[in-house]
Each structure stands twice: as structure tokens, then as C-alpha cells.
Amino acid sequence: MTNPESRFGKFHANQSLLLLITWLVIVVASSILPVVGIVLATLGFIFVLLLFVMGIMNAVNGKAERLPLIGGYDIIK
């Protein structure tokens, strides 16, 4: 059963949404830029993958730690 008022759940949903937006920005930017886009896509994929793993590890361990560089924003309140 889920709890829509869970602060822990909202925190990690917010972090996931920020990660999704970051990934979308990287994909769009890398598709617009012809040669630099390949490097941007590769580095962006590695960056998003590392943040994704960090987020999963934090959630599994019951921690509410913000992701580096992108975690300082709150979209879901």
C-alpha cells in the first residue's frame, strides 16, 4: 500500500523527476549538436547513470540525501 503523504516518498519522487528532466535535457542537447552531441550523450549517460545508482542506494538504505549538482531543486512539494 502506498502513502501519498509520505515525505520520504515525495523526496525521492522529486529527485527522480529532476533526474528525468536532466536526462531529457542531455538527450535534446546532444541531438541538436552534431559532433559534440556524441561526446555529450556519452558523458551525460554516464553522469545520469551514476546519479541513478546513487539515488537507488539512498532510497534502499532509507536515506534522504540530495543528488549532487541537480538535487537542490524542489518540484514536488
PDB file of N, CA and C in Angstrom:
ATOM      1  N   MET A   1       0.841  -1.168   0.000  1.00  0.00           N
ATOM      2  CA  MET A   1       0.000   0.000   0.000  1.00  0.00           C
ATOM      3  C   MET A   1       0.890   1.237   0.000  1.00  0.00           C
ATOM      4  N   THR A   2       0.513   2.241  -0.767  1.00  0.00           N
ATOM      5  CA  THR A   2       1.303   3.457  -0.846  1.00  0.00           C
ATOM      6  C   THR A   2       0.716   4.548   0.040  1.00  0.00           C
ATOM      7  N   ASN A   3       1.556   5.473   0.401  1.00  0.00           N
ATOM      8  CA  ASN A   3       1.136   6.592   1.228  1.00  0.00           C
ATOM      9  C   ASN A   3       1.447   7.883   0.474  1.00  0.00           C
ATOM     10  N   PRO A   4       0.442   8.562  -0.105  1.00  0.00           N
ATOM     11  CA  PRO A   4       0.713   9.765  -0.889  1.00  0.00           C
ATOM     12  C   PRO A   4       1.228  10.942  -0.056  1.00  0.00           C
ATOM     13  N   GLU A   5       1.135  10.871   1.236  1.00  0.00           N
ATOM     14  CA  GLU A   5       1.608  11.961   2.103  1.00  0.00           C
ATOM     15  C   GLU A   5       2.992  11.683   2.692  1.00  0.00           C
ATOM     16  N   SER A   6       3.647  10.630   2.264  1.00  0.00           N
ATOM     17  CA  SER A   6       4.958  10.273   2.785  1.00  0.00           C
ATOM     18  C   SER A   6       6.009  11.288   2.342  1.00  0.00           C
ATOM     19  N   ARG A   7       6.678  11.915   3.285  1.00  0.00           N
ATOM     20  CA  ARG A   7       7.745  12.869   2.955  1.00  0.00           C
ATOM     21  C   ARG A   7       8.914  12.172   2.283  1.00  0.00           C
ATOM     22  N   PHE A   8       9.216  10.950   2.729  1.00  0.00           N
ATOM     23  CA  PHE A   8      10.306  10.171   2.140  1.00  0.00           C
ATOM     24  C   PHE A   8       9.993   9.856   0.677  1.00  0.00           C
ATOM     25  N   GLY A   9       8.767   9.427   0.414  1.00  0.00           N
ATOM     26  CA  GLY A   9       8.356   9.111  -0.953  1.00  0.00           C
ATOM     27  C   GLY A   9       8.365  10.340  -1.845  1.00  0.00           C
ATOM     28  N   LYS A  10       7.877  11.460  -1.332  1.00  0.00           N
ATOM     29  CA  LYS A  10       7.865  12.700  -2.113  1.00  0.00           C
ATOM     30  C   LYS A  10       9.283  13.177  -2.404  1.00  0.00           C
ATOM     31  N   PHE A  11      10.168  13.032  -1.426  1.00  0.00           N
ATOM     32  CA  PHE A  11      11.557  13.441  -1.623  1.00  0.00           C
ATOM     33  C   PHE A  11      12.183  12.671  -2.773  1.00  0.00           C
ATOM     34  N   HIS A  12      12.028  11.350  -2.757  1.00  0.00           N
ATOM     35  CA  HIS A  12      12.658  10.533  -3.794  1.00  0.00           C
ATOM     36  C   HIS A  12      11.935  10.660  -5.132  1.00  0.00           C
ATOM     37  N   ALA A  13      10.652  10.938  -5.116  1.00  0.00           N
ATOM     38  CA  ALA A  13       9.937  11.213  -6.366  1.00  0.00           C
ATOM     39  C   ALA A  13      10.459  12.509  -6.984  1.00  0.00           C
ATOM     40  N   ASN A  14      10.723  13.502  -6.148  1.00  0.00           N
ATOM     41  CA  ASN A  14      11.282  14.767  -6.630  1.00  0.00           C
ATOM     42  C   ASN A  14      12.674  14.550  -7.223  1.00  0.00           C
ATOM     43  N   GLN A  15      13.506  13.790  -6.550  1.00  0.00           N
ATOM     44  CA  GLN A  15      14.847  13.516  -7.046  1.00  0.00           C
ATOM     45  C   GLN A  15      14.789  12.756  -8.371  1.00  0.00           C
ATOM     46  N   SER A  16      13.854  11.816  -8.488  1.00  0.00           N
ATOM     47  CA  SER A  16      13.688  11.063  -9.732  1.00  0.00           C
ATOM     48  C   SER A  16      13.220  11.963 -10.863  1.00  0.00           C
ATOM     49  N   LEU A  17      12.318  12.885 -10.568  1.00  0.00           N
ATOM     50  CA  LEU A  17      11.832  13.818 -11.582  1.00  0.00           C
ATOM     51  C   LEU A  17      12.963  14.730 -12.054  1.00  0.00           C
ATOM     52  N   LEU A  18      13.786  15.200 -11.143  1.00  0.00           N
ATOM     53  CA  LEU A  18      14.939  16.014 -11.522  1.00  0.00           C
ATOM     54  C   LEU A  18      15.904  15.226 -12.400  1.00  0.00           C
ATOM     55  N   LEU A  19      16.101  13.971 -12.086  1.00  0.00           N
ATOM     56  CA  LEU A  19      16.976  13.115 -12.878  1.00  0.00           C
ATOM     57  C   LEU A  19      16.406  12.902 -14.279  1.00  0.00           C
ATOM     58  N   LEU A  20      15.100  12.714 -14.387  1.00  0.00           N
ATOM     59  CA  LEU A  20      14.444  12.544 -15.686  1.00  0.00           C
ATOM     60  C   LEU A  20      14.582  13.815 -16.522  1.00  0.00           C
ATOM     61  N   ILE A  21      14.363  14.965 -15.910  1.00  0.00           N
ATOM     62  CA  ILE A  21      14.492  16.231 -16.634  1.00  0.00           C
ATOM     63  C   ILE A  21      15.925  16.435 -17.105  1.00  0.00           C
ATOM     64  N   THR A  22      16.896  16.106 -16.261  1.00  0.00           N
ATOM     65  CA  THR A  22      18.307  16.208 -16.642  1.00  0.00           C
ATOM     66  C   THR A  22      18.611  15.326 -17.830  1.00  0.00           C
ATOM     67  N   TRP A  23      18.115  14.092 -17.801  1.00  0.00           N
ATOM     68  CA  TRP A  23      18.333  13.167 -18.906  1.00  0.00           C
ATOM     69  C   TRP A  23      17.706  13.687 -20.193  1.00  0.00           C
ATOM     70  N   LEU A  24      16.491  14.234 -20.107  1.00  0.00           N
ATOM     71  CA  LEU A  24      15.822  14.775 -21.292  1.00  0.00           C
ATOM     72  C   LEU A  24      16.591  15.963 -21.873  1.00  0.00           C
ATOM     73  N   VAL A  25      17.106  16.828 -21.021  1.00  0.00           N
ATOM     74  CA  VAL A  25      17.894  17.968 -21.496  1.00  0.00           C
ATOM     75  C   VAL A  25      19.156  17.485 -22.199  1.00  0.00           C
ATOM     76  N   ILE A  26      19.812  16.483 -21.654  1.00  0.00           N
ATOM     77  CA  ILE A  26      21.021  15.941 -22.269  1.00  0.00           C
ATOM     78  C   ILE A  26      20.697  15.312 -23.619  1.00  0.00           C
ATOM     79  N   VAL A  27      19.611  14.560 -23.701  1.00  0.00           N
ATOM     80  CA  VAL A  27      19.229  13.921 -24.964  1.00  0.00           C
ATOM     81  C   VAL A  27      18.906  14.956 -26.030  1.00  0.00           C
ATOM     82  N   VAL A  28      18.134  15.963 -25.668  1.00  0.00           N
ATOM     83  CA  VAL A  28      17.773  17.002 -26.636  1.00  0.00           C
ATOM     84  C   VAL A  28      19.008  17.788 -27.075  1.00  0.00           C
ATOM     85  N   ALA A  29      19.847  18.175 -26.122  1.00  0.00           N
ATOM     86  CA  ALA A  29      21.054  18.938 -26.453  1.00  0.00           C
ATOM     87  C   ALA A  29      22.008  18.122 -27.319  1.00  0.00           C
ATOM     88  N   SER A  30      22.144  16.838 -27.028  1.00  0.00           N
ATOM     89  CA  SER A  30      23.067  16.015 -27.818  1.00  0.00           C
ATOM     90  C   SER A  30      22.520  15.728 -29.209  1.00  0.00           C
ATOM     91  N   SER A  31      21.200  15.761 -29.384  1.00  0.00           N
ATOM     92  CA  SER A  31      20.647  15.528 -30.717  1.00  0.00           C
ATOM     93  C   SER A  31      20.718  16.790 -31.581  1.00  0.00           C
ATOM     94  N   ILE A  32      20.791  17.958 -30.957  1.00  0.00           N
ATOM     95  CA  ILE A  32      20.871  19.214 -31.707  1.00  0.00           C
ATOM     96  C   ILE A  32      22.303  19.475 -32.178  1.00  0.00           C
ATOM     97  N   LEU A  33      23.262  19.170 -31.334  1.00  0.00           N
ATOM     98  CA  LEU A  33      24.665  19.427 -31.656  1.00  0.00           C
ATOM     99  C   LEU A  33      25.243  18.234 -32.408  1.00  0.00           C
ATOM    100  N   PRO A  34      25.731  18.423 -33.631  1.00  0.00           N
ATOM    101  CA  PRO A  34      26.136  17.279 -34.454  1.00  0.00           C
ATOM    102  C   PRO A  34      27.330  16.478 -33.924  1.00  0.00           C
ATOM    103  N   VAL A  35      28.500  17.065 -33.828  1.00  0.00           N
ATOM    104  CA  VAL A  35      29.698  16.311 -33.440  1.00  0.00           C
ATOM    105  C   VAL A  35      29.858  16.275 -31.930  1.00  0.00           C
ATOM    106  N   VAL A  36      29.641  17.390 -31.291  1.00  0.00           N
ATOM    107  CA  VAL A  36      29.784  17.483 -29.836  1.00  0.00           C
ATOM    108  C   VAL A  36      28.704  16.646 -29.157  1.00  0.00           C
ATOM    109  N   GLY A  37      27.602  16.411 -29.854  1.00  0.00           N
ATOM    110  CA  GLY A  37      26.494  15.653 -29.290  1.00  0.00           C
ATOM    111  C   GLY A  37      26.856  14.232 -28.911  1.00  0.00           C
ATOM    112  N   ILE A  38      27.742  13.613 -29.655  1.00  0.00           N
ATOM    113  CA  ILE A  38      28.148  12.239 -29.345  1.00  0.00           C
ATOM    114  C   ILE A  38      28.893  12.198 -28.009  1.00  0.00           C
ATOM    115  N   VAL A  39      29.805  13.134 -27.834  1.00  0.00           N
ATOM    116  CA  VAL A  39      30.554  13.200 -26.573  1.00  0.00           C
ATOM    117  C   VAL A  39      29.617  13.576 -25.432  1.00  0.00           C
ATOM    118  N   LEU A  40      28.742  14.562 -25.678  1.00  0.00           N
ATOM    119  CA  LEU A  40      27.789  14.996 -24.665  1.00  0.00           C
ATOM    120  C   LEU A  40      26.855  13.861 -24.263  1.00  0.00           C
ATOM    121  N   ALA A  41      26.384  13.103 -25.233  1.00  0.00           N
ATOM    122  CA  ALA A  41      25.487  11.990 -24.938  1.00  0.00           C
ATOM    123  C   ALA A  41      26.192  10.919 -24.112  1.00  0.00           C
ATOM    124  N   THR A  42      27.425  10.615 -24.447  1.00  0.00           N
ATOM    125  CA  THR A  42      28.173   9.587 -23.718  1.00  0.00           C
ATOM    126  C   THR A  42      28.446  10.022 -22.275  1.00  0.00           C
ATOM    127  N   LEU A  43      28.972  11.223 -22.119  1.00  0.00           N
ATOM    128  CA  LEU A  43      29.264  11.718 -20.770  1.00  0.00           C
ATOM    129  C   LEU A  43      27.980  11.928 -19.970  1.00  0.00           C
ATOM    130  N   GLY A  44      26.934  12.411 -20.643  1.00  0.00           N
ATOM    131  CA  GLY A  44      25.655  12.619 -19.976  1.00  0.00           C
ATOM    132  C   GLY A  44      25.040  11.315 -19.506  1.00  0.00           C
ATOM    133  N   PHE A  45      25.147  10.267 -20.346  1.00  0.00           N
ATOM    134  CA  PHE A  45      24.624   8.962 -19.951  1.00  0.00           C
ATOM    135  C   PHE A  45      25.348   8.431 -18.724  1.00  0.00           C
ATOM    136  N   ILE A  46      26.658   8.555 -18.690  1.00  0.00           N
ATOM    137  CA  ILE A  46      27.436   8.087 -17.534  1.00  0.00           C
ATOM    138  C   ILE A  46      27.053   8.880 -16.288  1.00  0.00           C
ATOM    139  N   PHE A  47      26.910  10.204 -16.427  1.00  0.00           N
ATOM    140  CA  PHE A  47      26.536  11.069 -15.315  1.00  0.00           C
ATOM    141  C   PHE A  47      25.167  10.686 -14.759  1.00  0.00           C
ATOM    142  N   VAL A  48      24.185  10.535 -15.645  1.00  0.00           N
ATOM    143  CA  VAL A  48      22.828  10.194 -15.210  1.00  0.00           C
ATOM    144  C   VAL A  48      22.801   8.792 -14.606  1.00  0.00           C
ATOM    145  N   LEU A  49      23.552   7.859 -15.160  1.00  0.00           N
ATOM    146  CA  LEU A  49      23.605   6.505 -14.618  1.00  0.00           C
ATOM    147  C   LEU A  49      24.186   6.500 -13.208  1.00  0.00           C
ATOM    148  N   LEU A  50      25.247   7.264 -12.969  1.00  0.00           N
ATOM    149  CA  LEU A  50      25.834   7.350 -11.629  1.00  0.00           C
ATOM    150  C   LEU A  50      24.848   7.961 -10.633  1.00  0.00           C
ATOM    151  N   LEU A  51      24.160   9.035 -11.049  1.00  0.00           N
ATOM    152  CA  LEU A  51      23.175   9.644 -10.159  1.00  0.00           C
ATOM    153  C   LEU A  51      22.011   8.696  -9.893  1.00  0.00           C
ATOM    154  N   PHE A  52      21.617   7.936 -10.904  1.00  0.00           N
ATOM    155  CA  PHE A  52      20.538   6.959 -10.762  1.00  0.00           C
ATOM    156  C   PHE A  52      20.903   5.904  -9.721  1.00  0.00           C
ATOM    157  N   VAL A  53      22.108   5.387  -9.799  1.00  0.00           N
ATOM    158  CA  VAL A  53      22.569   4.374  -8.838  1.00  0.00           C
ATOM    159  C   VAL A  53      22.657   4.979  -7.442  1.00  0.00           C
ATOM    160  N   MET A  54      23.154   6.215  -7.338  1.00  0.00           N
ATOM    161  CA  MET A  54      23.227   6.877  -6.037  1.00  0.00           C
ATOM    162  C   MET A  54      21.840   7.051  -5.433  1.00  0.00           C
ATOM    163  N   GLY A  55      20.872   7.434  -6.263  1.00  0.00           N
ATOM    164  CA  GLY A  55      19.505   7.610  -5.787  1.00  0.00           C
ATOM    165  C   GLY A  55      18.884   6.314  -5.313  1.00  0.00           C
ATOM    166  N   ILE A  56      19.117   5.242  -6.049  1.00  0.00           N
ATOM    167  CA  ILE A  56      18.592   3.935  -5.641  1.00  0.00           C
ATOM    168  C   ILE A  56      19.227   3.499  -4.329  1.00  0.00           C
ATOM    169  N   MET A  57      20.528   3.672  -4.202  1.00  0.00           N
ATOM    170  CA  MET A  57      21.212   3.274  -2.975  1.00  0.00           C
ATOM    171  C   MET A  57      20.703   4.089  -1.777  1.00  0.00           C
ATOM    172  N   ASN A  58      20.471   5.370  -1.973  1.00  0.00           N
ATOM    173  CA  ASN A  58      19.938   6.202  -0.888  1.00  0.00           C
ATOM    174  C   ASN A  58      18.542   5.743  -0.483  1.00  0.00           C
ATOM    175  N   ALA A  59      17.690   5.479  -1.466  1.00  0.00           N
ATOM    176  CA  ALA A  59      16.312   5.058  -1.166  1.00  0.00           C
ATOM    177  C   ALA A  59      16.283   3.705  -0.466  1.00  0.00           C
ATOM    178  N   VAL A  60      17.080   2.760  -0.936  1.00  0.00           N
ATOM    179  CA  VAL A  60      17.107   1.422  -0.342  1.00  0.00           C
ATOM    180  C   VAL A  60      17.625   1.469   1.091  1.00  0.00           C
ATOM    181  N   ASN A  61      18.588   2.344   1.341  1.00  0.00           N
ATOM    182  CA  ASN A  61      19.169   2.450   2.681  1.00  0.00           C
ATOM    183  C   ASN A  61      18.386   3.384   3.599  1.00  0.00           C
ATOM    184  N   GLY A  62      17.274   3.927   3.113  1.00  0.00           N
ATOM    185  CA  GLY A  62      16.437   4.778   3.944  1.00  0.00           C
ATOM    186  C   GLY A  62      16.977   6.179   4.163  1.00  0.00           C
ATOM    187  N   LYS A  63      17.871   6.628   3.296  1.00  0.00           N
ATOM    188  CA  LYS A  63      18.464   7.954   3.417  1.00  0.00           C
ATOM    189  C   LYS A  63      17.721   8.933   2.511  1.00  0.00           C
ATOM    190  N   ALA A  64      17.638  10.167   2.926  1.00  0.00           N
ATOM    191  CA  ALA A  64      17.049  11.227   2.116  1.00  0.00           C
ATOM    192  C   ALA A  64      18.130  12.250   1.797  1.00  0.00           C
ATOM    193  N   GLU A  65      19.120  11.829   1.017  1.00  0.00           N
ATOM    194  CA  GLU A  65      20.219  12.711   0.635  1.00  0.00           C
ATOM    195  C   GLU A  65      19.991  13.200  -0.788  1.00  0.00           C
ATOM    196  N   ARG A  66      20.233  14.485  -0.991  1.00  0.00           N
ATOM    197  CA  ARG A  66      20.037  15.072  -2.321  1.00  0.00           C
ATOM    198  C   ARG A  66      21.145  14.623  -3.262  1.00  0.00           C
ATOM    199  N   LEU A  67      20.781  14.501  -4.546  1.00  0.00           N
ATOM    200  CA  LEU A  67      21.758  14.139  -5.562  1.00  0.00           C
ATOM    201  C   LEU A  67      22.689  15.316  -5.829  1.00  0.00           C
ATOM    202  N   PRO A  68      23.958  15.043  -6.127  1.00  0.00           N
ATOM    203  CA  PRO A  68      24.884  16.139  -6.396  1.00  0.00           C
ATOM    204  C   PRO A  68      24.499  16.894  -7.673  1.00  0.00           C
ATOM    205  N   LEU A  69      24.722  18.168  -7.693  1.00  0.00           N
ATOM    206  CA  LEU A  69      24.534  19.090  -8.811  1.00  0.00           C
ATOM    207  C   LEU A  69      23.058  19.362  -9.165  1.00  0.00           C
ATOM    208  N   ILE A  70      22.187  18.378  -9.142  1.00  0.00           N
ATOM    209  CA  ILE A  70      20.808  18.612  -9.571  1.00  0.00           C
ATOM    210  C   ILE A  70      19.806  18.509  -8.423  1.00  0.00           C
ATOM    211  N   GLY A  71      20.191  17.992  -7.295  1.00  0.00           N
ATOM    212  CA  GLY A  71      19.263  17.690  -6.221  1.00  0.00           C
ATOM    213  C   GLY A  71      18.785  18.851  -5.389  1.00  0.00           C
ATOM    214  N   GLY A  72      19.255  20.046  -5.655  1.00  0.00           N
ATOM    215  CA  GLY A  72      18.906  21.193  -4.826  1.00  0.00           C
ATOM    216  C   GLY A  72      17.583  21.852  -5.152  1.00  0.00           C
ATOM    217  N   TYR A  73      16.868  21.346  -6.138  1.00  0.00           N
ATOM    218  CA  TYR A  73      15.601  21.944  -6.554  1.00  0.00           C
ATOM    219  C   TYR A  73      14.432  21.097  -6.076  1.00  0.00           C
ATOM    220  N   ASP A  74      13.347  21.762  -5.750  1.00  0.00           N
ATOM    221  CA  ASP A  74      12.126  21.060  -5.321  1.00  0.00           C
ATOM    222  C   ASP A  74      11.018  21.346  -6.301  1.00  0.00           C
ATOM    223  N   ILE A  75      10.605  20.339  -7.038  1.00  0.00           N
ATOM    224  CA  ILE A  75       9.480  20.462  -7.971  1.00  0.00           C
ATOM    225  C   ILE A  75       8.214  19.933  -7.295  1.00  0.00           C
ATOM    226  N   ILE A  76       8.334  18.811  -6.614  1.00  0.00           N
ATOM    227  CA  ILE A  76       7.215  18.217  -5.897  1.00  0.00           C
ATOM    228  C   ILE A  76       7.294  18.695  -4.453  1.00  0.00           C
ATOM    229  N   LYS A  77       6.217  19.293  -3.982  1.00  0.00           N
ATOM    230  CA  LYS A  77       6.225  19.819  -2.604  1.00  0.00           C
ATOM    231  C   LYS A  77       5.223  19.109  -1.752  1.00  0.00           C
TER     232      LYS A  77
END
